[in-house]
Amino acid sequence: MSAPVIRLNTVALGGLQRFIILDSKISEIKIDCKSKESAGLLPMCTSSQGFKHLSIVQIFELKGPRDLTWLLFAQNLTFLSVSGPSSIEEIINREKAMSITNVHPDIVVPFGKLEVLDVSLMEELKGISWNLPALPSLKKFTTRDCPKLPNAATELLRHEE
């Protein structure tokens, strides 16, 4: 797939449990919370309109975006695997996350239910999230060939003790 922007509609994809992107070039992924029937009536997403069933996300060779901050709308995510090559520099961008949580106060800590995180072959990846200690459910973290990711495993382990 190749597209400048894709929109993921939380109403249409409300029952989505697993999301896989494979070998695609997408410049930006945007979230749309409005249905055709209620256009203009829903100024913001609520937790019930996010991807409440989405628990598994796998992204392989996604070229274009610098982050995956849209994952904030997947509050029940338990498994995340991202592998490159890719232009992704960070999984959750702090500035974008702050602007999202200011508008959507029902969105809580990123990755609060995440159990497995696997990042590999990500030459540009510099960070996962600005608040790594906030991964209370993490059971397994694997990183491989991410040269710009500074001691992420050490940082995570330090916060789990």
N, C-alpha and C. Protein backbone atom coordinates (compact mmCIF):
# COMPACT_ATOMS: atom_id res chain seq x y z
N MET A 1 0.84 -1.18 0.00
CA MET A 1 0.00 0.00 0.00
C MET A 1 0.88 1.23 0.00
N SER A 2 0.44 2.22 -0.72
CA SER A 2 1.14 3.49 -0.74
C SER A 2 0.09 4.59 -0.74
N ALA A 3 0.16 5.47 0.27
CA ALA A 3 -0.81 6.56 0.38
C ALA A 3 -0.19 7.68 1.21
N PRO A 4 -0.49 8.93 0.84
CA PRO A 4 0.06 10.03 1.65
C PRO A 4 -0.53 10.02 3.06
N VAL A 5 -1.83 9.77 3.17
CA VAL A 5 -2.50 9.76 4.47
C VAL A 5 -3.55 8.66 4.47
N ILE A 6 -3.61 7.90 5.55
CA ILE A 6 -4.75 7.00 5.73
C ILE A 6 -5.47 7.41 7.00
N ARG A 7 -6.78 7.24 6.97
CA ARG A 7 -7.62 7.56 8.13
C ARG A 7 -8.21 6.27 8.66
N LEU A 8 -8.01 6.06 9.95
CA LEU A 8 -8.60 4.91 10.62
C LEU A 8 -9.81 5.41 11.39
N ASN A 9 -10.97 4.92 11.01
CA ASN A 9 -12.21 5.36 11.64
C ASN A 9 -12.52 4.42 12.80
N THR A 10 -12.56 4.97 14.01
CA THR A 10 -12.79 4.15 15.20
C THR A 10 -14.21 3.60 15.26
N VAL A 11 -15.14 4.26 14.58
CA VAL A 11 -16.52 3.76 14.56
C VAL A 11 -16.59 2.54 13.64
N ALA A 12 -16.06 2.67 12.43
CA ALA A 12 -16.10 1.58 11.47
C ALA A 12 -15.21 0.41 11.89
N LEU A 13 -14.12 0.70 12.56
CA LEU A 13 -13.16 -0.33 12.96
C LEU A 13 -13.25 -0.65 14.45
N GLY A 14 -14.38 -0.35 15.07
CA GLY A 14 -14.55 -0.53 16.51
C GLY A 14 -14.31 -1.94 17.01
N GLY A 15 -14.59 -2.95 16.21
CA GLY A 15 -14.40 -4.33 16.62
C GLY A 15 -13.05 -4.91 16.25
N LEU A 16 -12.19 -4.10 15.65
CA LEU A 16 -10.87 -4.57 15.21
C LEU A 16 -10.06 -5.10 16.40
N GLN A 17 -9.52 -6.31 16.25
CA GLN A 17 -8.73 -6.94 17.32
C GLN A 17 -7.24 -7.00 16.98
N ARG A 18 -6.94 -7.12 15.69
CA ARG A 18 -5.55 -7.25 15.25
C ARG A 18 -5.36 -6.37 14.03
N PHE A 19 -4.24 -5.63 14.00
CA PHE A 19 -3.96 -4.71 12.90
C PHE A 19 -2.53 -4.96 12.44
N ILE A 20 -2.38 -5.24 11.15
CA ILE A 20 -1.07 -5.53 10.58
C ILE A 20 -0.82 -4.62 9.39
N ILE A 21 0.35 -3.99 9.37
CA ILE A 21 0.80 -3.21 8.22
C ILE A 21 2.06 -3.90 7.72
N LEU A 22 2.09 -4.18 6.42
CA LEU A 22 3.22 -4.91 5.84
C LEU A 22 3.71 -4.20 4.59
N ASP A 23 4.98 -3.81 4.59
CA ASP A 23 5.65 -3.24 3.43
C ASP A 23 4.82 -2.15 2.76
N SER A 24 4.62 -1.04 3.48
CA SER A 24 3.79 0.05 2.99
C SER A 24 4.51 1.38 3.11
N LYS A 25 4.06 2.32 2.29
CA LYS A 25 4.57 3.68 2.38
C LYS A 25 3.37 4.58 2.64
N ILE A 26 3.29 5.06 3.88
CA ILE A 26 2.19 5.91 4.32
C ILE A 26 2.81 7.08 5.07
N SER A 27 2.59 8.28 4.60
CA SER A 27 3.21 9.44 5.25
C SER A 27 2.62 9.73 6.61
N GLU A 28 1.31 9.53 6.76
CA GLU A 28 0.67 9.87 8.04
C GLU A 28 -0.55 8.99 8.27
N ILE A 29 -0.74 8.60 9.53
CA ILE A 29 -1.91 7.84 9.93
C ILE A 29 -2.73 8.72 10.86
N LYS A 30 -3.98 8.98 10.47
CA LYS A 30 -4.85 9.84 11.27
C LYS A 30 -6.02 9.03 11.81
N ILE A 31 -6.54 9.48 12.92
CA ILE A 31 -7.68 8.84 13.55
C ILE A 31 -8.93 9.68 13.32
N ASP A 32 -10.00 9.02 12.92
CA ASP A 32 -11.30 9.67 12.71
C ASP A 32 -12.30 8.96 13.60
N CYS A 33 -13.00 9.72 14.44
CA CYS A 33 -13.94 9.14 15.41
C CYS A 33 -15.39 9.34 15.02
N LYS A 34 -15.65 9.99 13.92
CA LYS A 34 -17.02 10.34 13.56
C LYS A 34 -17.62 9.32 12.60
N SER A 35 -18.89 9.05 12.80
CA SER A 35 -19.61 8.23 11.83
C SER A 35 -20.33 9.17 10.88
N LYS A 36 -20.76 8.66 9.75
CA LYS A 36 -21.46 9.50 8.77
C LYS A 36 -22.74 10.07 9.37
N GLU A 37 -23.42 9.26 10.20
CA GLU A 37 -24.68 9.70 10.80
C GLU A 37 -24.48 10.82 11.81
N SER A 38 -23.34 10.81 12.50
CA SER A 38 -23.14 11.79 13.57
C SER A 38 -22.08 12.83 13.22
N ALA A 39 -21.79 13.00 11.95
CA ALA A 39 -20.77 13.96 11.54
C ALA A 39 -21.06 15.33 12.15
N GLY A 40 -20.08 15.87 12.80
CA GLY A 40 -20.21 17.17 13.42
C GLY A 40 -20.75 17.11 14.85
N LEU A 41 -21.30 15.98 15.27
CA LEU A 41 -21.84 15.87 16.62
C LEU A 41 -20.82 15.37 17.63
N LEU A 42 -19.77 14.72 17.16
CA LEU A 42 -18.75 14.19 18.05
C LEU A 42 -17.46 14.97 17.88
N PRO A 43 -17.24 16.00 18.70
CA PRO A 43 -16.04 16.80 18.53
C PRO A 43 -14.76 16.06 18.91
N MET A 44 -14.88 15.00 19.70
CA MET A 44 -13.68 14.28 20.08
C MET A 44 -14.00 12.81 20.29
N CYS A 45 -12.97 11.99 20.24
CA CYS A 45 -13.14 10.58 20.52
C CYS A 45 -13.28 10.40 22.02
N THR A 46 -14.06 9.42 22.41
CA THR A 46 -14.09 9.03 23.81
C THR A 46 -13.49 7.64 23.89
N SER A 47 -13.21 7.19 25.09
CA SER A 47 -12.59 5.87 25.21
C SER A 47 -13.46 4.80 24.59
N SER A 48 -14.79 4.97 24.62
CA SER A 48 -15.67 3.98 24.02
C SER A 48 -15.61 4.01 22.49
N GLN A 49 -15.05 5.08 21.93
CA GLN A 49 -14.95 5.18 20.47
C GLN A 49 -13.55 4.86 19.96
N GLY A 50 -12.60 4.67 20.84
CA GLY A 50 -11.27 4.29 20.41
C GLY A 50 -11.27 2.85 19.94
N PHE A 51 -10.10 2.30 19.75
CA PHE A 51 -9.98 0.91 19.32
C PHE A 51 -10.00 0.02 20.56
N LYS A 52 -11.16 -0.11 21.18
CA LYS A 52 -11.25 -0.78 22.48
C LYS A 52 -10.98 -2.28 22.41
N HIS A 53 -11.08 -2.90 21.25
CA HIS A 53 -10.82 -4.33 21.12
C HIS A 53 -9.45 -4.62 20.53
N LEU A 54 -8.77 -3.59 20.07
CA LEU A 54 -7.47 -3.80 19.42
C LEU A 54 -6.42 -4.18 20.46
N SER A 55 -5.90 -5.40 20.34
CA SER A 55 -4.92 -5.87 21.32
C SER A 55 -3.57 -6.21 20.68
N ILE A 56 -3.56 -6.43 19.37
CA ILE A 56 -2.32 -6.83 18.69
C ILE A 56 -2.07 -5.91 17.50
N VAL A 57 -0.88 -5.29 17.47
CA VAL A 57 -0.47 -4.47 16.33
C VAL A 57 0.91 -4.95 15.89
N GLN A 58 1.02 -5.26 14.61
CA GLN A 58 2.28 -5.66 14.02
C GLN A 58 2.54 -4.78 12.81
N ILE A 59 3.70 -4.15 12.80
CA ILE A 59 4.05 -3.24 11.71
C ILE A 59 5.42 -3.66 11.18
N PHE A 60 5.45 -3.98 9.88
CA PHE A 60 6.67 -4.43 9.24
C PHE A 60 6.96 -3.54 8.03
N GLU A 61 8.12 -2.93 8.03
CA GLU A 61 8.59 -2.12 6.90
C GLU A 61 7.62 -1.02 6.49
N LEU A 62 7.26 -0.20 7.45
CA LEU A 62 6.41 0.96 7.20
C LEU A 62 7.30 2.17 6.96
N LYS A 63 7.23 2.72 5.77
CA LYS A 63 8.05 3.88 5.42
C LYS A 63 7.16 5.11 5.39
N GLY A 64 7.64 6.20 5.97
CA GLY A 64 6.90 7.45 5.93
C GLY A 64 6.76 8.14 7.28
N PRO A 65 5.96 7.58 8.19
CA PRO A 65 5.73 8.32 9.44
C PRO A 65 6.95 8.29 10.36
N ARG A 66 7.08 9.32 11.18
CA ARG A 66 8.17 9.41 12.14
C ARG A 66 7.76 8.84 13.50
N ASP A 67 6.47 8.62 13.69
CA ASP A 67 5.99 8.08 14.96
C ASP A 67 4.70 7.31 14.75
N LEU A 68 4.26 6.65 15.82
CA LEU A 68 3.02 5.87 15.80
C LEU A 68 2.11 6.33 16.94
N THR A 69 2.05 7.62 17.16
CA THR A 69 1.30 8.18 18.28
C THR A 69 -0.18 7.83 18.20
N TRP A 70 -0.69 7.51 17.04
CA TRP A 70 -2.09 7.10 16.91
C TRP A 70 -2.41 5.89 17.78
N LEU A 71 -1.38 5.15 18.20
CA LEU A 71 -1.59 3.99 19.06
C LEU A 71 -2.16 4.36 20.43
N LEU A 72 -2.15 5.64 20.76
CA LEU A 72 -2.79 6.08 22.01
C LEU A 72 -4.27 5.72 22.03
N PHE A 73 -4.87 5.60 20.87
CA PHE A 73 -6.29 5.26 20.78
C PHE A 73 -6.53 3.76 20.96
N ALA A 74 -5.47 2.98 21.13
CA ALA A 74 -5.57 1.53 21.37
C ALA A 74 -5.20 1.28 22.83
N GLN A 75 -6.08 1.65 23.73
CA GLN A 75 -5.81 1.57 25.16
C GLN A 75 -5.70 0.14 25.70
N ASN A 76 -6.16 -0.85 24.96
CA ASN A 76 -6.10 -2.25 25.40
C ASN A 76 -5.04 -3.05 24.67
N LEU A 77 -4.09 -2.35 24.07
CA LEU A 77 -3.02 -3.02 23.33
C LEU A 77 -2.17 -3.86 24.28
N THR A 78 -1.99 -5.14 23.93
CA THR A 78 -1.17 -6.03 24.76
C THR A 78 0.10 -6.49 24.04
N PHE A 79 0.09 -6.43 22.69
CA PHE A 79 1.23 -6.91 21.92
C PHE A 79 1.54 -5.91 20.82
N LEU A 80 2.78 -5.41 20.79
CA LEU A 80 3.21 -4.48 19.75
C LEU A 80 4.55 -4.93 19.20
N SER A 81 4.59 -5.13 17.89
CA SER A 81 5.81 -5.50 17.21
C SER A 81 6.01 -4.54 16.04
N VAL A 82 7.16 -3.88 16.02
CA VAL A 82 7.48 -2.95 14.95
C VAL A 82 8.88 -3.29 14.44
N SER A 83 8.98 -3.55 13.13
CA SER A 83 10.30 -3.84 12.58
C SER A 83 10.47 -3.13 11.25
N GLY A 84 11.71 -2.81 10.96
CA GLY A 84 12.01 -1.98 9.81
C GLY A 84 12.48 -2.76 8.62
N PRO A 85 13.13 -2.09 7.70
CA PRO A 85 13.55 -0.69 7.81
C PRO A 85 12.37 0.27 7.79
N SER A 86 12.55 1.39 8.48
CA SER A 86 11.47 2.32 8.66
C SER A 86 12.00 3.71 8.96
N SER A 87 11.15 4.72 8.79
CA SER A 87 11.52 6.09 9.12
C SER A 87 11.06 6.47 10.53
N ILE A 88 10.50 5.54 11.26
CA ILE A 88 9.97 5.82 12.60
C ILE A 88 11.11 6.15 13.56
N GLU A 89 11.00 7.32 14.20
CA GLU A 89 12.01 7.77 15.15
C GLU A 89 11.60 7.51 16.59
N GLU A 90 10.30 7.50 16.85
CA GLU A 90 9.80 7.18 18.18
C GLU A 90 8.40 6.60 18.05
N ILE A 91 8.05 5.73 18.97
CA ILE A 91 6.74 5.11 18.89
C ILE A 91 5.67 6.13 19.30
N ILE A 92 5.80 6.71 20.48
CA ILE A 92 4.87 7.74 20.94
C ILE A 92 5.63 9.06 21.04
N ASN A 93 5.23 10.02 20.26
CA ASN A 93 5.84 11.36 20.29
C ASN A 93 5.23 12.17 21.42
N ARG A 94 6.06 12.71 22.28
CA ARG A 94 5.59 13.43 23.47
C ARG A 94 4.67 14.60 23.13
N GLU A 95 5.08 15.45 22.19
CA GLU A 95 4.29 16.64 21.86
C GLU A 95 2.92 16.25 21.28
N LYS A 96 2.92 15.28 20.36
CA LYS A 96 1.65 14.83 19.79
C LYS A 96 0.77 14.17 20.86
N ALA A 97 1.39 13.38 21.72
CA ALA A 97 0.64 12.71 22.78
C ALA A 97 0.01 13.73 23.73
N MET A 98 0.75 14.76 24.08
CA MET A 98 0.22 15.79 24.98
C MET A 98 -0.95 16.52 24.33
N SER A 99 -0.84 16.82 23.04
CA SER A 99 -1.95 17.51 22.38
C SER A 99 -3.17 16.59 22.28
N ILE A 100 -2.96 15.30 22.08
CA ILE A 100 -4.08 14.36 22.02
C ILE A 100 -4.73 14.23 23.39
N THR A 101 -3.94 14.05 24.44
CA THR A 101 -4.52 13.86 25.77
C THR A 101 -5.16 15.14 26.30
N ASN A 102 -4.73 16.30 25.82
CA ASN A 102 -5.40 17.54 26.21
C ASN A 102 -6.80 17.61 25.64
N VAL A 103 -6.98 17.12 24.42
CA VAL A 103 -8.28 17.13 23.76
C VAL A 103 -9.11 15.91 24.17
N HIS A 104 -8.45 14.82 24.47
CA HIS A 104 -9.11 13.56 24.82
C HIS A 104 -8.65 13.12 26.21
N PRO A 105 -9.17 13.73 27.27
CA PRO A 105 -8.69 13.43 28.62
C PRO A 105 -8.96 12.01 29.08
N ASP A 106 -9.83 11.29 28.38
CA ASP A 106 -10.12 9.90 28.74
C ASP A 106 -9.00 8.95 28.33
N ILE A 107 -8.07 9.42 27.50
CA ILE A 107 -6.93 8.59 27.11
C ILE A 107 -5.92 8.65 28.25
N VAL A 108 -5.62 7.47 28.77
CA VAL A 108 -4.73 7.40 29.92
C VAL A 108 -3.31 7.10 29.47
N VAL A 109 -2.52 6.58 30.36
CA VAL A 109 -1.11 6.29 30.11
C VAL A 109 -0.93 5.45 28.85
N PRO A 110 0.00 5.83 27.97
CA PRO A 110 0.26 5.00 26.79
C PRO A 110 0.76 3.62 27.19
N PHE A 111 0.23 2.61 26.55
CA PHE A 111 0.68 1.23 26.74
C PHE A 111 0.49 0.71 28.17
N GLY A 112 -0.56 1.14 28.83
CA GLY A 112 -0.82 0.69 30.20
C GLY A 112 -1.05 -0.80 30.32
N LYS A 113 -1.51 -1.46 29.25
CA LYS A 113 -1.78 -2.90 29.28
C LYS A 113 -0.81 -3.70 28.42
N LEU A 114 0.19 -3.03 27.85
CA LEU A 114 1.14 -3.68 26.96
C LEU A 114 1.95 -4.73 27.70
N GLU A 115 1.93 -5.97 27.19
CA GLU A 115 2.66 -7.08 27.80
C GLU A 115 3.92 -7.43 27.01
N VAL A 116 3.85 -7.31 25.68
CA VAL A 116 4.99 -7.67 24.83
C VAL A 116 5.30 -6.52 23.88
N LEU A 117 6.56 -6.10 23.89
CA LEU A 117 7.03 -5.05 22.99
C LEU A 117 8.27 -5.57 22.28
N ASP A 118 8.21 -5.56 20.96
CA ASP A 118 9.32 -6.06 20.15
C ASP A 118 9.63 -5.03 19.07
N VAL A 119 10.83 -4.48 19.10
CA VAL A 119 11.27 -3.55 18.06
C VAL A 119 12.59 -4.08 17.48
N SER A 120 12.65 -4.12 16.15
CA SER A 120 13.86 -4.63 15.53
C SER A 120 14.10 -3.99 14.17
N LEU A 121 15.36 -3.94 13.80
CA LEU A 121 15.80 -3.41 12.50
C LEU A 121 15.28 -2.00 12.26
N MET A 122 15.30 -1.19 13.30
CA MET A 122 14.79 0.18 13.23
C MET A 122 15.97 1.14 13.35
N GLU A 123 16.54 1.48 12.21
CA GLU A 123 17.75 2.31 12.19
C GLU A 123 17.53 3.71 12.75
N GLU A 124 16.32 4.26 12.63
CA GLU A 124 16.05 5.62 13.06
C GLU A 124 15.39 5.72 14.43
N LEU A 125 14.99 4.60 15.01
CA LEU A 125 14.26 4.61 16.28
C LEU A 125 15.12 5.14 17.42
N LYS A 126 14.65 6.23 18.04
CA LYS A 126 15.39 6.86 19.15
C LYS A 126 14.68 6.71 20.48
N GLY A 127 13.38 6.38 20.45
CA GLY A 127 12.66 6.24 21.70
C GLY A 127 11.33 5.53 21.54
N ILE A 128 10.86 4.97 22.64
CA ILE A 128 9.57 4.29 22.66
C ILE A 128 8.49 5.28 23.09
N SER A 129 8.67 5.83 24.28
CA SER A 129 7.73 6.80 24.84
C SER A 129 8.50 7.63 25.85
N TRP A 130 8.06 8.84 26.10
CA TRP A 130 8.78 9.70 27.02
C TRP A 130 8.62 9.22 28.46
N ASN A 131 7.65 8.36 28.74
CA ASN A 131 7.42 7.92 30.11
C ASN A 131 7.55 6.41 30.21
N LEU A 132 8.74 5.89 29.95
CA LEU A 132 8.98 4.46 29.99
C LEU A 132 8.57 3.80 31.31
N PRO A 133 8.68 4.47 32.46
CA PRO A 133 8.27 3.80 33.70
C PRO A 133 6.79 3.43 33.69
N ALA A 134 6.01 4.03 32.81
CA ALA A 134 4.57 3.78 32.79
C ALA A 134 4.21 2.58 31.91
N LEU A 135 4.93 1.50 32.04
CA LEU A 135 4.62 0.26 31.34
C LEU A 135 4.41 -0.83 32.40
N PRO A 136 3.34 -0.71 33.17
CA PRO A 136 3.16 -1.59 34.34
C PRO A 136 2.92 -3.05 34.02
N SER A 137 2.42 -3.36 32.83
CA SER A 137 2.08 -4.75 32.48
C SER A 137 3.13 -5.43 31.62
N LEU A 138 4.21 -4.72 31.28
CA LEU A 138 5.21 -5.26 30.36
C LEU A 138 5.88 -6.50 30.94
N LYS A 139 5.83 -7.60 30.18
CA LYS A 139 6.44 -8.87 30.60
C LYS A 139 7.65 -9.21 29.74
N LYS A 140 7.64 -8.74 28.47
CA LYS A 140 8.73 -9.07 27.57
C LYS A 140 9.03 -7.88 26.67
N PHE A 141 10.30 -7.49 26.65
CA PHE A 141 10.76 -6.40 25.79
C PHE A 141 11.95 -6.91 25.00
N THR A 142 11.83 -6.89 23.68
CA THR A 142 12.90 -7.35 22.81
C THR A 142 13.29 -6.22 21.87
N THR A 143 14.57 -5.96 21.79
CA THR A 143 15.07 -4.97 20.83
C THR A 143 16.27 -5.57 20.11
N ARG A 144 16.32 -5.33 18.80
CA ARG A 144 17.40 -5.89 17.99
C ARG A 144 17.70 -4.94 16.85
N ASP A 145 18.96 -4.61 16.69
CA ASP A 145 19.42 -3.76 15.59
C ASP A 145 18.69 -2.42 15.53
N CYS A 146 18.68 -1.74 16.66
CA CYS A 146 18.13 -0.38 16.76
C CYS A 146 19.26 0.50 17.32
N PRO A 147 20.21 0.89 16.47
CA PRO A 147 21.43 1.54 16.95
C PRO A 147 21.22 2.89 17.63
N LYS A 148 20.13 3.60 17.34
CA LYS A 148 19.91 4.91 17.94
C LYS A 148 19.05 4.84 19.21
N LEU A 149 18.60 3.66 19.55
CA LEU A 149 17.78 3.48 20.75
C LEU A 149 18.71 3.27 21.93
N PRO A 150 18.86 4.31 22.76
CA PRO A 150 19.88 4.28 23.81
C PRO A 150 19.47 3.45 25.03
N ASN A 151 20.08 2.30 25.16
CA ASN A 151 19.90 1.48 26.35
C ASN A 151 18.46 1.33 26.79
N ALA A 152 17.57 1.13 25.86
CA ALA A 152 16.15 1.04 26.19
C ALA A 152 15.86 -0.11 27.14
N ALA A 153 16.48 -1.25 26.89
CA ALA A 153 16.23 -2.40 27.76
C ALA A 153 16.72 -2.11 29.18
N THR A 154 17.89 -1.50 29.29
CA THR A 154 18.43 -1.15 30.61
C THR A 154 17.50 -0.17 31.31
N GLU A 155 17.01 0.81 30.59
CA GLU A 155 16.10 1.80 31.16
C GLU A 155 14.80 1.16 31.65
N LEU A 156 14.25 0.26 30.85
CA LEU A 156 13.02 -0.43 31.24
C LEU A 156 13.25 -1.30 32.46
N LEU A 157 14.33 -2.04 32.46
CA LEU A 157 14.62 -2.93 33.59
C LEU A 157 14.82 -2.15 34.87
N ARG A 158 15.46 -0.99 34.79
CA ARG A 158 15.69 -0.16 35.96
C ARG A 158 14.35 0.27 36.57
N HIS A 159 13.37 0.59 35.74
CA HIS A 159 12.08 1.06 36.24
C HIS A 159 11.20 -0.09 36.73
N GLU A 160 11.47 -1.32 36.31
CA GLU A 160 10.66 -2.45 36.76
C GLU A 160 11.07 -2.93 38.13
N GLU A 161 12.29 -2.61 38.59
CA GLU A 161 12.77 -3.09 39.89
C GLU A 161 12.06 -2.42 41.03
